[in-house]
Amino acid sequence: MKRILLVEDDPIIVSGLVYALEQEGYAVIHGNSVCEAQMHILENRFDLAILDMQLPDGSGFDVKEMLKATDTAIIFLTVVDDEGNIVRAFESGAADYIIKPFRLRELFARIKRTLSLYSEASQTTVLSLGGITIDTAAGKTYMNKTLIELTALEYRLLLTFAQNKGQLLTRLQILEHIWDSTGNFVEDNTLTVYIKRLREKLGDALEIKTVRGIGYRVD
């Protein structure tokens, strides 16, 4: 079942859209704000995010930035019919930009098209690191062929090491990869905690080396 994050603060749109998406067979998690979206992203992995452009505490671009280290496809669903925003959205990697009001059948067609394209692009992507295998298409991690349950942030942290195998990464570089470019939402102390959790879950299958005063390396 495909998982969708819906970030929208209009209760009328939310109630109708969540129901309609669930009837189409999707698992939907909803947030009213950037802050709520942040909490959901920390604990879940999503195939698609549908983002309102204007939110009470920020914009859809803020949420998109949080998702940049994941394979989540992005569709903006907004009243902002502005060429500058549309161009910015596509240049930042958004899959689609839909103006409100919208027709449900058209939205569902675009959702299916986007999920299909992203699935085809990632279906053969498998990364190996030590005794760990990461299937990025399925968003799953295996240790010696046994599935490991990771939180969304733990998964992104492991993916960062896999994509930079053998390279010394500073703490700032890691923070930039797993969250936004300024590290605003994952503090340095939080990174230490998640490194510890990852080590505990992966055990001897993967050695995360600490380079004192600099950062970490995984060979």
N, C-alpha and C. Protein backbone atom coordinates (compact mmCIF):
# COMPACT_ATOMS: atom_id res chain seq x y z
N MET A 1 0.84 -1.20 0.00
CA MET A 1 0.00 0.00 0.00
C MET A 1 0.88 1.25 0.00
N LYS A 2 0.62 2.16 -0.92
CA LYS A 2 1.39 3.39 -1.01
C LYS A 2 1.00 4.34 0.12
N ARG A 3 2.02 4.99 0.69
CA ARG A 3 1.80 5.90 1.82
C ARG A 3 1.91 7.35 1.35
N ILE A 4 0.91 8.15 1.69
CA ILE A 4 0.86 9.54 1.27
C ILE A 4 0.83 10.46 2.48
N LEU A 5 1.68 11.49 2.44
CA LEU A 5 1.65 12.55 3.44
C LEU A 5 0.87 13.72 2.84
N LEU A 6 -0.19 14.12 3.49
CA LEU A 6 -0.99 15.26 3.05
C LEU A 6 -0.78 16.39 4.05
N VAL A 7 -0.24 17.52 3.57
CA VAL A 7 -0.02 18.68 4.44
C VAL A 7 -0.91 19.80 3.93
N GLU A 8 -1.99 20.03 4.64
CA GLU A 8 -3.04 20.95 4.20
C GLU A 8 -3.80 21.44 5.43
N ASP A 9 -4.08 22.76 5.50
CA ASP A 9 -4.74 23.29 6.69
C ASP A 9 -6.21 23.67 6.47
N ASP A 10 -6.75 23.41 5.30
CA ASP A 10 -8.17 23.68 5.04
C ASP A 10 -8.97 22.43 5.43
N PRO A 11 -9.76 22.50 6.51
CA PRO A 11 -10.45 21.30 7.00
C PRO A 11 -11.43 20.70 6.00
N ILE A 12 -12.02 21.51 5.15
CA ILE A 12 -12.98 21.00 4.16
C ILE A 12 -12.24 20.16 3.12
N ILE A 13 -11.13 20.67 2.62
CA ILE A 13 -10.33 19.92 1.65
C ILE A 13 -9.78 18.65 2.29
N VAL A 14 -9.31 18.77 3.52
CA VAL A 14 -8.71 17.62 4.21
C VAL A 14 -9.70 16.48 4.37
N SER A 15 -10.89 16.78 4.89
CA SER A 15 -11.87 15.71 5.16
C SER A 15 -12.26 14.98 3.87
N GLY A 16 -12.50 15.74 2.81
CA GLY A 16 -12.89 15.11 1.56
C GLY A 16 -11.76 14.36 0.89
N LEU A 17 -10.57 14.95 0.91
CA LEU A 17 -9.44 14.35 0.20
C LEU A 17 -8.91 13.12 0.91
N VAL A 18 -8.83 13.16 2.23
CA VAL A 18 -8.36 11.98 2.98
C VAL A 18 -9.29 10.80 2.72
N TYR A 19 -10.59 11.05 2.81
CA TYR A 19 -11.56 9.98 2.57
C TYR A 19 -11.42 9.42 1.15
N ALA A 20 -11.34 10.31 0.17
CA ALA A 20 -11.25 9.88 -1.22
C ALA A 20 -9.97 9.08 -1.49
N LEU A 21 -8.85 9.53 -0.93
CA LEU A 21 -7.58 8.83 -1.12
C LEU A 21 -7.62 7.44 -0.48
N GLU A 22 -8.20 7.36 0.70
CA GLU A 22 -8.30 6.06 1.38
C GLU A 22 -9.21 5.11 0.59
N GLN A 23 -10.25 5.65 -0.02
CA GLN A 23 -11.12 4.83 -0.84
C GLN A 23 -10.39 4.30 -2.08
N GLU A 24 -9.37 5.04 -2.51
CA GLU A 24 -8.56 4.62 -3.65
C GLU A 24 -7.48 3.61 -3.25
N GLY A 25 -7.38 3.33 -1.95
CA GLY A 25 -6.43 2.31 -1.50
C GLY A 25 -5.11 2.85 -0.97
N TYR A 26 -5.04 4.14 -0.72
CA TYR A 26 -3.81 4.73 -0.19
C TYR A 26 -3.88 4.84 1.33
N ALA A 27 -2.71 4.76 1.98
CA ALA A 27 -2.62 5.03 3.41
C ALA A 27 -2.22 6.49 3.56
N VAL A 28 -3.04 7.27 4.24
CA VAL A 28 -2.84 8.73 4.30
C VAL A 28 -2.56 9.17 5.73
N ILE A 29 -1.52 9.99 5.89
CA ILE A 29 -1.24 10.66 7.16
C ILE A 29 -1.32 12.16 6.90
N HIS A 30 -2.07 12.86 7.74
CA HIS A 30 -2.32 14.28 7.51
C HIS A 30 -1.66 15.15 8.56
N GLY A 31 -1.16 16.30 8.11
CA GLY A 31 -0.64 17.33 9.00
C GLY A 31 -1.18 18.68 8.59
N ASN A 32 -1.47 19.55 9.59
CA ASN A 32 -2.01 20.88 9.30
C ASN A 32 -0.94 21.94 9.10
N SER A 33 0.31 21.62 9.44
CA SER A 33 1.34 22.65 9.47
C SER A 33 2.71 22.04 9.17
N VAL A 34 3.70 22.91 9.02
CA VAL A 34 5.08 22.46 8.83
C VAL A 34 5.54 21.67 10.04
N CYS A 35 5.17 22.15 11.23
CA CYS A 35 5.57 21.48 12.47
C CYS A 35 5.01 20.06 12.55
N GLU A 36 3.73 19.89 12.22
CA GLU A 36 3.12 18.56 12.25
C GLU A 36 3.73 17.67 11.18
N ALA A 37 4.01 18.25 10.01
CA ALA A 37 4.64 17.47 8.94
C ALA A 37 6.00 16.97 9.40
N GLN A 38 6.74 17.81 10.11
CA GLN A 38 8.06 17.44 10.61
C GLN A 38 7.98 16.20 11.50
N MET A 39 7.01 16.17 12.40
CA MET A 39 6.86 15.02 13.31
C MET A 39 6.54 13.75 12.53
N HIS A 40 5.67 13.85 11.53
CA HIS A 40 5.31 12.68 10.75
C HIS A 40 6.51 12.17 9.92
N ILE A 41 7.29 13.09 9.37
CA ILE A 41 8.44 12.71 8.54
C ILE A 41 9.51 12.02 9.37
N LEU A 42 9.66 12.42 10.62
CA LEU A 42 10.66 11.80 11.49
C LEU A 42 10.36 10.34 11.77
N GLU A 43 9.08 9.99 11.76
CA GLU A 43 8.69 8.64 12.17
C GLU A 43 8.13 7.78 11.05
N ASN A 44 8.01 8.31 9.85
CA ASN A 44 7.41 7.55 8.76
C ASN A 44 8.18 7.77 7.46
N ARG A 45 8.01 6.84 6.54
CA ARG A 45 8.53 7.01 5.18
C ARG A 45 7.33 7.05 4.23
N PHE A 46 7.39 7.96 3.28
CA PHE A 46 6.26 8.18 2.39
C PHE A 46 6.67 7.98 0.92
N ASP A 47 5.71 7.48 0.14
CA ASP A 47 5.92 7.36 -1.30
C ASP A 47 5.64 8.69 -2.00
N LEU A 48 4.69 9.45 -1.43
CA LEU A 48 4.26 10.70 -2.05
C LEU A 48 3.85 11.69 -0.98
N ALA A 49 4.17 12.97 -1.22
CA ALA A 49 3.71 14.04 -0.34
C ALA A 49 2.91 15.04 -1.16
N ILE A 50 1.71 15.36 -0.70
CA ILE A 50 0.87 16.37 -1.33
C ILE A 50 0.90 17.59 -0.42
N LEU A 51 1.47 18.69 -0.90
CA LEU A 51 1.77 19.82 -0.04
C LEU A 51 1.04 21.09 -0.46
N ASP A 52 0.37 21.70 0.51
CA ASP A 52 -0.19 23.04 0.29
C ASP A 52 0.98 24.02 0.30
N MET A 53 0.90 25.07 -0.50
CA MET A 53 1.98 26.04 -0.56
C MET A 53 1.97 26.97 0.65
N GLN A 54 0.78 27.34 1.10
CA GLN A 54 0.64 28.30 2.20
C GLN A 54 0.17 27.60 3.46
N LEU A 55 1.03 27.57 4.48
CA LEU A 55 0.72 26.90 5.74
C LEU A 55 0.84 27.89 6.89
N PRO A 56 0.22 27.61 8.03
CA PRO A 56 0.20 28.57 9.14
C PRO A 56 1.59 28.96 9.64
N ASP A 57 2.55 28.04 9.56
CA ASP A 57 3.89 28.31 10.10
C ASP A 57 4.99 28.21 9.05
N GLY A 58 4.64 28.35 7.79
CA GLY A 58 5.66 28.28 6.75
C GLY A 58 5.04 27.99 5.39
N SER A 59 5.78 27.27 4.56
CA SER A 59 5.29 26.98 3.22
C SER A 59 5.55 25.52 2.84
N GLY A 60 4.96 25.12 1.74
CA GLY A 60 5.19 23.77 1.24
C GLY A 60 6.65 23.52 0.91
N PHE A 61 7.37 24.58 0.55
CA PHE A 61 8.80 24.43 0.26
C PHE A 61 9.58 24.00 1.51
N ASP A 62 9.13 24.46 2.69
CA ASP A 62 9.78 24.06 3.94
C ASP A 62 9.64 22.55 4.15
N VAL A 63 8.45 22.02 3.86
CA VAL A 63 8.22 20.59 4.02
C VAL A 63 9.01 19.81 2.97
N LYS A 64 9.03 20.32 1.76
CA LYS A 64 9.79 19.66 0.70
C LYS A 64 11.27 19.55 1.07
N GLU A 65 11.80 20.60 1.70
CA GLU A 65 13.20 20.59 2.13
C GLU A 65 13.45 19.47 3.13
N MET A 66 12.47 19.23 4.00
CA MET A 66 12.60 18.17 4.99
C MET A 66 12.66 16.79 4.32
N LEU A 67 12.04 16.68 3.15
CA LEU A 67 11.94 15.39 2.47
C LEU A 67 13.05 15.16 1.44
N LYS A 68 13.99 16.11 1.33
CA LYS A 68 14.94 16.06 0.21
C LYS A 68 15.87 14.85 0.26
N ALA A 69 16.12 14.30 1.45
CA ALA A 69 17.01 13.15 1.55
C ALA A 69 16.27 11.83 1.37
N THR A 70 15.00 11.88 1.03
CA THR A 70 14.20 10.67 0.84
C THR A 70 13.85 10.50 -0.64
N ASP A 71 13.20 9.40 -0.95
CA ASP A 71 12.75 9.15 -2.32
C ASP A 71 11.28 9.56 -2.51
N THR A 72 10.79 10.43 -1.64
CA THR A 72 9.39 10.82 -1.69
C THR A 72 9.09 11.75 -2.87
N ALA A 73 8.10 11.40 -3.65
CA ALA A 73 7.66 12.27 -4.76
C ALA A 73 6.82 13.41 -4.18
N ILE A 74 6.90 14.58 -4.82
CA ILE A 74 6.22 15.77 -4.30
C ILE A 74 5.22 16.31 -5.32
N ILE A 75 3.99 16.54 -4.84
CA ILE A 75 2.99 17.26 -5.63
C ILE A 75 2.53 18.46 -4.81
N PHE A 76 2.65 19.64 -5.38
CA PHE A 76 2.11 20.84 -4.73
C PHE A 76 0.64 21.00 -5.14
N LEU A 77 -0.21 21.25 -4.14
CA LEU A 77 -1.65 21.44 -4.36
C LEU A 77 -2.01 22.76 -3.71
N THR A 78 -2.21 23.82 -4.50
CA THR A 78 -2.23 25.16 -3.93
C THR A 78 -3.07 26.15 -4.73
N VAL A 79 -3.47 27.22 -4.07
CA VAL A 79 -4.18 28.31 -4.75
C VAL A 79 -3.20 29.30 -5.37
N VAL A 80 -1.91 29.13 -5.11
CA VAL A 80 -0.90 30.07 -5.57
C VAL A 80 -0.62 29.84 -7.06
N ASP A 81 -1.32 30.59 -7.89
CA ASP A 81 -1.17 30.47 -9.33
C ASP A 81 -0.18 31.54 -9.81
N ASP A 82 1.07 31.35 -9.42
CA ASP A 82 2.10 32.33 -9.71
C ASP A 82 3.23 31.66 -10.47
N GLU A 83 3.61 32.24 -11.61
CA GLU A 83 4.62 31.62 -12.46
C GLU A 83 5.94 31.40 -11.73
N GLY A 84 6.32 32.37 -10.91
CA GLY A 84 7.58 32.25 -10.17
C GLY A 84 7.59 31.05 -9.25
N ASN A 85 6.48 30.85 -8.51
CA ASN A 85 6.38 29.71 -7.60
C ASN A 85 6.33 28.39 -8.36
N ILE A 86 5.62 28.39 -9.47
CA ILE A 86 5.52 27.16 -10.27
C ILE A 86 6.89 26.76 -10.80
N VAL A 87 7.62 27.74 -11.35
CA VAL A 87 8.96 27.45 -11.86
C VAL A 87 9.88 26.98 -10.73
N ARG A 88 9.81 27.66 -9.59
CA ARG A 88 10.63 27.27 -8.44
C ARG A 88 10.32 25.85 -8.00
N ALA A 89 9.04 25.50 -8.00
CA ALA A 89 8.63 24.16 -7.58
C ALA A 89 9.24 23.09 -8.48
N PHE A 90 9.13 23.27 -9.79
CA PHE A 90 9.67 22.26 -10.70
C PHE A 90 11.20 22.24 -10.69
N GLU A 91 11.81 23.40 -10.55
CA GLU A 91 13.27 23.44 -10.49
C GLU A 91 13.80 22.77 -9.23
N SER A 92 13.00 22.76 -8.18
CA SER A 92 13.42 22.11 -6.93
C SER A 92 13.17 20.60 -6.94
N GLY A 93 12.55 20.11 -8.02
CA GLY A 93 12.36 18.68 -8.15
C GLY A 93 10.95 18.17 -7.93
N ALA A 94 9.99 19.07 -7.80
CA ALA A 94 8.59 18.62 -7.63
C ALA A 94 8.12 17.86 -8.87
N ALA A 95 7.29 16.86 -8.64
CA ALA A 95 6.77 16.06 -9.76
C ALA A 95 5.60 16.73 -10.44
N ASP A 96 4.82 17.53 -9.69
CA ASP A 96 3.64 18.16 -10.28
C ASP A 96 3.22 19.36 -9.44
N TYR A 97 2.39 20.22 -10.04
CA TYR A 97 1.92 21.44 -9.39
C TYR A 97 0.47 21.63 -9.83
N ILE A 98 -0.46 21.49 -8.89
CA ILE A 98 -1.88 21.52 -9.22
C ILE A 98 -2.54 22.71 -8.54
N ILE A 99 -3.29 23.47 -9.31
CA ILE A 99 -3.94 24.67 -8.80
C ILE A 99 -5.34 24.34 -8.26
N LYS A 100 -5.67 24.88 -7.08
CA LYS A 100 -7.02 24.77 -6.53
C LYS A 100 -7.92 25.81 -7.21
N PRO A 101 -9.21 25.52 -7.40
CA PRO A 101 -9.87 24.23 -7.13
C PRO A 101 -9.47 23.17 -8.15
N PHE A 102 -9.55 21.92 -7.74
CA PHE A 102 -9.11 20.83 -8.60
C PHE A 102 -10.22 19.78 -8.72
N ARG A 103 -10.11 18.96 -9.74
CA ARG A 103 -11.05 17.84 -9.93
C ARG A 103 -10.40 16.57 -9.40
N LEU A 104 -11.15 15.82 -8.60
CA LEU A 104 -10.60 14.63 -7.96
C LEU A 104 -10.04 13.63 -8.97
N ARG A 105 -10.79 13.38 -10.04
CA ARG A 105 -10.34 12.39 -11.02
C ARG A 105 -9.02 12.80 -11.65
N GLU A 106 -8.87 14.09 -11.90
CA GLU A 106 -7.61 14.58 -12.47
C GLU A 106 -6.48 14.42 -11.45
N LEU A 107 -6.75 14.77 -10.19
CA LEU A 107 -5.74 14.63 -9.15
C LEU A 107 -5.30 13.18 -9.01
N PHE A 108 -6.26 12.24 -8.98
CA PHE A 108 -5.92 10.83 -8.84
C PHE A 108 -5.09 10.34 -10.03
N ALA A 109 -5.42 10.83 -11.22
CA ALA A 109 -4.66 10.44 -12.42
C ALA A 109 -3.21 10.91 -12.30
N ARG A 110 -3.04 12.11 -11.79
CA ARG A 110 -1.68 12.66 -11.64
C ARG A 110 -0.92 11.94 -10.54
N ILE A 111 -1.62 11.57 -9.46
CA ILE A 111 -0.99 10.81 -8.38
C ILE A 111 -0.50 9.46 -8.91
N LYS A 112 -1.36 8.75 -9.63
CA LYS A 112 -0.99 7.44 -10.17
C LYS A 112 0.19 7.56 -11.13
N ARG A 113 0.16 8.58 -11.97
CA ARG A 113 1.24 8.80 -12.93
C ARG A 113 2.55 9.06 -12.20
N THR A 114 2.51 9.91 -11.19
CA THR A 114 3.72 10.26 -10.44
C THR A 114 4.29 9.05 -9.71
N LEU A 115 3.43 8.30 -9.04
CA LEU A 115 3.90 7.11 -8.32
C LEU A 115 4.49 6.08 -9.27
N SER A 116 3.88 5.94 -10.44
CA SER A 116 4.37 5.00 -11.44
C SER A 116 5.76 5.40 -11.94
N LEU A 117 5.94 6.67 -12.23
CA LEU A 117 7.22 7.16 -12.73
C LEU A 117 8.32 6.99 -11.68
N TYR A 118 8.01 7.32 -10.42
CA TYR A 118 9.01 7.20 -9.37
C TYR A 118 9.34 5.74 -9.08
N SER A 119 8.35 4.88 -9.19
CA SER A 119 8.58 3.45 -8.96
C SER A 119 9.49 2.88 -10.03
N GLU A 120 9.26 3.25 -11.28
CA GLU A 120 10.10 2.77 -12.38
C GLU A 120 11.53 3.26 -12.25
N ALA A 121 11.69 4.49 -11.77
CA ALA A 121 13.02 5.08 -11.67
C ALA A 121 13.85 4.44 -10.56
N SER A 122 13.17 3.90 -9.54
CA SER A 122 13.91 3.40 -8.38
C SER A 122 13.86 1.89 -8.18
N GLN A 123 13.20 1.18 -9.08
CA GLN A 123 12.94 -0.23 -8.81
C GLN A 123 14.19 -1.12 -8.79
N THR A 124 15.28 -0.68 -9.41
CA THR A 124 16.48 -1.50 -9.43
C THR A 124 17.57 -0.98 -8.49
N THR A 125 17.24 -0.02 -7.64
CA THR A 125 18.26 0.59 -6.79
C THR A 125 18.43 -0.19 -5.50
N VAL A 126 19.56 -0.88 -5.40
CA VAL A 126 19.91 -1.62 -4.19
C VAL A 126 21.33 -1.23 -3.79
N LEU A 127 21.51 -0.83 -2.56
CA LEU A 127 22.81 -0.41 -2.06
C LEU A 127 23.28 -1.39 -0.99
N SER A 128 24.58 -1.67 -0.99
CA SER A 128 25.17 -2.57 0.00
C SER A 128 26.22 -1.82 0.80
N LEU A 129 26.28 -2.11 2.09
CA LEU A 129 27.22 -1.47 2.98
C LEU A 129 27.52 -2.43 4.12
N GLY A 130 28.76 -2.96 4.14
CA GLY A 130 29.08 -3.96 5.14
C GLY A 130 28.16 -5.15 4.99
N GLY A 131 27.52 -5.57 6.08
CA GLY A 131 26.56 -6.66 6.02
C GLY A 131 25.14 -6.18 5.85
N ILE A 132 24.98 -4.94 5.39
CA ILE A 132 23.67 -4.32 5.26
C ILE A 132 23.31 -4.14 3.79
N THR A 133 22.06 -4.43 3.45
CA THR A 133 21.54 -4.18 2.11
C THR A 133 20.34 -3.25 2.22
N ILE A 134 20.35 -2.19 1.39
CA ILE A 134 19.26 -1.21 1.40
C ILE A 134 18.53 -1.27 0.07
N ASP A 135 17.26 -1.62 0.12
CA ASP A 135 16.40 -1.61 -1.07
C ASP A 135 15.67 -0.28 -1.08
N THR A 136 16.20 0.70 -1.83
CA THR A 136 15.61 2.04 -1.81
C THR A 136 14.25 2.09 -2.50
N ALA A 137 14.00 1.17 -3.41
CA ALA A 137 12.69 1.14 -4.08
C ALA A 137 11.58 0.80 -3.09
N ALA A 138 11.88 -0.14 -2.19
CA ALA A 138 10.89 -0.55 -1.20
C ALA A 138 11.04 0.21 0.11
N GLY A 139 12.16 0.94 0.25
CA GLY A 139 12.41 1.65 1.50
C GLY A 139 12.67 0.70 2.65
N LYS A 140 13.34 -0.44 2.35
CA LYS A 140 13.58 -1.45 3.38
C LYS A 140 15.07 -1.73 3.54
N THR A 141 15.45 -2.11 4.75
CA THR A 141 16.84 -2.39 5.08
C THR A 141 16.96 -3.81 5.62
N TYR A 142 17.97 -4.53 5.14
CA TYR A 142 18.18 -5.93 5.56
C TYR A 142 19.57 -6.10 6.15
N MET A 143 19.65 -6.89 7.21
CA MET A 143 20.92 -7.29 7.80
C MET A 143 21.04 -8.80 7.66
N ASN A 144 21.95 -9.23 6.80
CA ASN A 144 22.09 -10.67 6.51
C ASN A 144 20.74 -11.29 6.13
N LYS A 145 20.03 -10.58 5.22
CA LYS A 145 18.75 -11.00 4.66
C LYS A 145 17.57 -10.92 5.64
N THR A 146 17.83 -10.38 6.83
CA THR A 146 16.75 -10.21 7.81
C THR A 146 16.33 -8.74 7.82
N LEU A 147 15.03 -8.49 7.71
CA LEU A 147 14.52 -7.14 7.68
C LEU A 147 14.73 -6.43 9.02
N ILE A 148 15.24 -5.19 8.93
CA ILE A 148 15.45 -4.38 10.13
C ILE A 148 14.47 -3.21 10.11
N GLU A 149 13.84 -2.96 11.23
CA GLU A 149 12.92 -1.85 11.33
C GLU A 149 13.68 -0.60 11.75
N LEU A 150 13.67 0.41 10.87
CA LEU A 150 14.33 1.68 11.16
C LEU A 150 13.30 2.81 11.11
N THR A 151 13.50 3.84 11.93
CA THR A 151 12.68 5.03 11.80
C THR A 151 13.10 5.76 10.54
N ALA A 152 12.30 6.75 10.13
CA ALA A 152 12.60 7.49 8.92
C ALA A 152 13.96 8.18 9.01
N LEU A 153 14.28 8.75 10.18
CA LEU A 153 15.55 9.46 10.34
C LEU A 153 16.73 8.49 10.37
N GLU A 154 16.55 7.34 11.01
CA GLU A 154 17.60 6.32 11.01
C GLU A 154 17.88 5.82 9.59
N TYR A 155 16.80 5.65 8.83
CA TYR A 155 16.94 5.19 7.43
C TYR A 155 17.70 6.21 6.61
N ARG A 156 17.37 7.50 6.75
CA ARG A 156 18.05 8.53 5.98
C ARG A 156 19.52 8.64 6.38
N LEU A 157 19.79 8.44 7.65
CA LEU A 157 21.17 8.47 8.14
C LEU A 157 21.98 7.33 7.52
N LEU A 158 21.41 6.13 7.53
CA LEU A 158 22.09 4.98 6.93
C LEU A 158 22.27 5.17 5.43
N LEU A 159 21.26 5.71 4.77
CA LEU A 159 21.33 5.97 3.34
C LEU A 159 22.44 6.97 3.02
N THR A 160 22.62 7.96 3.87
CA THR A 160 23.68 8.93 3.68
C THR A 160 25.05 8.26 3.72
N PHE A 161 25.26 7.35 4.65
CA PHE A 161 26.52 6.61 4.72
C PHE A 161 26.72 5.73 3.49
N ALA A 162 25.63 5.08 3.05
CA ALA A 162 25.73 4.19 1.89
C ALA A 162 26.07 4.96 0.62
N GLN A 163 25.52 6.15 0.49
CA GLN A 163 25.76 6.96 -0.70
C GLN A 163 27.13 7.65 -0.67
N ASN A 164 27.78 7.61 0.50
CA ASN A 164 29.11 8.22 0.65
C ASN A 164 30.09 7.23 1.25
N LYS A 165 30.02 6.00 0.77
CA LYS A 165 30.84 4.91 1.30
C LYS A 165 32.33 5.23 1.21
N GLY A 166 33.03 5.04 2.33
CA GLY A 166 34.47 5.27 2.36
C GLY A 166 34.87 6.72 2.53
N GLN A 167 33.91 7.63 2.57
CA GLN A 167 34.23 9.05 2.69
C GLN A 167 34.05 9.52 4.14
N LEU A 168 34.97 10.39 4.57
CA LEU A 168 34.84 10.99 5.88
C LEU A 168 33.82 12.12 5.79
N LEU A 169 32.74 12.00 6.55
CA LEU A 169 31.68 13.00 6.55
C LEU A 169 31.72 13.78 7.86
N THR A 170 31.75 15.09 7.75
CA THR A 170 31.67 15.91 8.96
C THR A 170 30.26 15.84 9.51
N ARG A 171 30.13 16.21 10.76
CA ARG A 171 28.80 16.21 11.37
C ARG A 171 27.86 17.16 10.63
N LEU A 172 28.41 18.31 10.20
CA LEU A 172 27.59 19.27 9.46
C LEU A 172 27.12 18.69 8.14
N GLN A 173 28.00 17.97 7.43
CA GLN A 173 27.61 17.35 6.16
C GLN A 173 26.49 16.35 6.37
N ILE A 174 26.57 15.59 7.43
CA ILE A 174 25.53 14.59 7.71
C ILE A 174 24.21 15.28 8.04
N LEU A 175 24.28 16.32 8.86
CA LEU A 175 23.07 17.07 9.20
C LEU A 175 22.41 17.65 7.96
N GLU A 176 23.22 18.14 7.02
CA GLU A 176 22.68 18.72 5.79
C GLU A 176 22.01 17.65 4.94
N HIS A 177 22.55 16.42 4.96
CA HIS A 177 21.97 15.34 4.15
C HIS A 177 20.66 14.83 4.74
N ILE A 178 20.59 14.73 6.07
CA ILE A 178 19.41 14.10 6.65
C ILE A 178 18.30 15.09 6.98
N TRP A 179 18.60 16.39 6.90
CA TRP A 179 17.54 17.36 7.14
C TRP A 179 17.73 18.53 6.21
N ASP A 180 17.44 19.73 6.66
CA ASP A 180 17.54 20.86 5.74
C ASP A 180 18.96 21.41 5.70
N SER A 181 19.22 22.32 4.79
CA SER A 181 20.58 22.76 4.52
C SER A 181 21.23 23.51 5.68
N THR A 182 20.44 23.98 6.64
CA THR A 182 20.99 24.70 7.78
C THR A 182 21.04 23.86 9.04
N GLY A 183 20.51 22.64 8.97
CA GLY A 183 20.50 21.78 10.15
C GLY A 183 19.54 22.26 11.22
N ASN A 184 18.54 23.06 10.87
CA ASN A 184 17.64 23.64 11.86
C ASN A 184 16.81 22.62 12.62
N PHE A 185 16.47 21.50 11.96
CA PHE A 185 15.49 20.60 12.56
C PHE A 185 16.11 19.35 13.21
N VAL A 186 17.38 19.11 12.94
CA VAL A 186 18.08 18.03 13.64
C VAL A 186 19.32 18.65 14.27
N GLU A 187 19.33 18.73 15.59
CA GLU A 187 20.45 19.35 16.28
C GLU A 187 21.63 18.39 16.37
N ASP A 188 22.78 18.94 16.67
CA ASP A 188 24.01 18.15 16.74
C ASP A 188 23.90 17.04 17.77
N ASN A 189 23.31 17.35 18.92
CA ASN A 189 23.15 16.33 19.96
C ASN A 189 22.21 15.22 19.52
N THR A 190 21.20 15.59 18.74
CA THR A 190 20.26 14.60 18.22
C THR A 190 20.97 13.63 17.28
N LEU A 191 21.91 14.13 16.49
CA LEU A 191 22.67 13.27 15.58
C LEU A 191 23.43 12.22 16.38
N THR A 192 24.04 12.62 17.49
CA THR A 192 24.78 11.67 18.33
C THR A 192 23.87 10.55 18.81
N VAL A 193 22.66 10.91 19.20
CA VAL A 193 21.69 9.92 19.68
C VAL A 193 21.34 8.93 18.57
N TYR A 194 21.10 9.44 17.35
CA TYR A 194 20.71 8.56 16.25
C TYR A 194 21.86 7.70 15.75
N ILE A 195 23.08 8.19 15.83
CA ILE A 195 24.24 7.36 15.51
C ILE A 195 24.30 6.19 16.49
N LYS A 196 24.08 6.47 17.76
CA LYS A 196 24.10 5.43 18.80
C LYS A 196 23.00 4.40 18.54
N ARG A 197 21.80 4.87 18.20
CA ARG A 197 20.69 3.94 17.94
C ARG A 197 20.98 3.06 16.73
N LEU A 198 21.56 3.66 15.70
CA LEU A 198 21.87 2.91 14.49
C LEU A 198 22.92 1.84 14.78
N ARG A 199 23.91 2.19 15.55
CA ARG A 199 24.94 1.21 15.93
C ARG A 199 24.33 0.04 16.71
N GLU A 200 23.41 0.35 17.61
CA GLU A 200 22.78 -0.69 18.41
C GLU A 200 21.95 -1.63 17.55
N LYS A 201 21.25 -1.08 16.56
CA LYS A 201 20.39 -1.91 15.71
C LYS A 201 21.20 -2.75 14.71
N LEU A 202 22.31 -2.20 14.21
CA LEU A 202 23.07 -2.90 13.17
C LEU A 202 24.15 -3.80 13.74
N GLY A 203 24.58 -3.56 14.97
CA GLY A 203 25.56 -4.43 15.61
C GLY A 203 26.85 -4.57 14.81
N ASP A 204 27.31 -5.82 14.69
CA ASP A 204 28.56 -6.10 13.99
C ASP A 204 28.43 -6.05 12.47
N ALA A 205 27.22 -5.92 11.97
CA ALA A 205 27.03 -5.92 10.51
C ALA A 205 27.59 -4.67 9.84
N LEU A 206 27.74 -3.60 10.63
CA LEU A 206 28.26 -2.36 10.06
C LEU A 206 29.01 -1.57 11.13
N GLU A 207 30.22 -1.16 10.77
CA GLU A 207 31.02 -0.35 11.69
C GLU A 207 30.97 1.12 11.27
N ILE A 208 30.41 1.94 12.14
CA ILE A 208 30.40 3.38 11.91
C ILE A 208 31.56 3.96 12.72
N LYS A 209 32.60 4.36 12.02
CA LYS A 209 33.81 4.84 12.68
C LYS A 209 33.70 6.31 13.05
N THR A 210 34.06 6.62 14.28
CA THR A 210 34.08 8.01 14.74
C THR A 210 35.47 8.59 14.53
N VAL A 211 35.55 9.72 13.86
CA VAL A 211 36.81 10.45 13.69
C VAL A 211 36.71 11.67 14.60
N ARG A 212 37.40 11.63 15.71
CA ARG A 212 37.21 12.62 16.75
C ARG A 212 37.40 14.05 16.24
N GLY A 213 36.45 14.89 16.62
CA GLY A 213 36.52 16.30 16.26
C GLY A 213 36.10 16.61 14.85
N ILE A 214 35.81 15.54 14.07
CA ILE A 214 35.44 15.78 12.66
C ILE A 214 34.06 15.20 12.33
N GLY A 215 33.95 13.86 12.42
CA GLY A 215 32.68 13.26 12.03
C GLY A 215 32.74 11.75 12.01
N TYR A 216 32.22 11.14 10.93
CA TYR A 216 32.10 9.68 10.86
C TYR A 216 32.46 9.17 9.47
N ARG A 217 32.84 7.89 9.43
CA ARG A 217 33.13 7.25 8.15
C ARG A 217 32.67 5.80 8.22
N VAL A 218 32.11 5.32 7.09
CA VAL A 218 31.74 3.92 6.98
C VAL A 218 32.39 3.37 5.71
N ASP A 219 33.20 2.32 5.85
CA ASP A 219 33.91 1.75 4.68
C ASP A 219 33.15 0.59 4.08
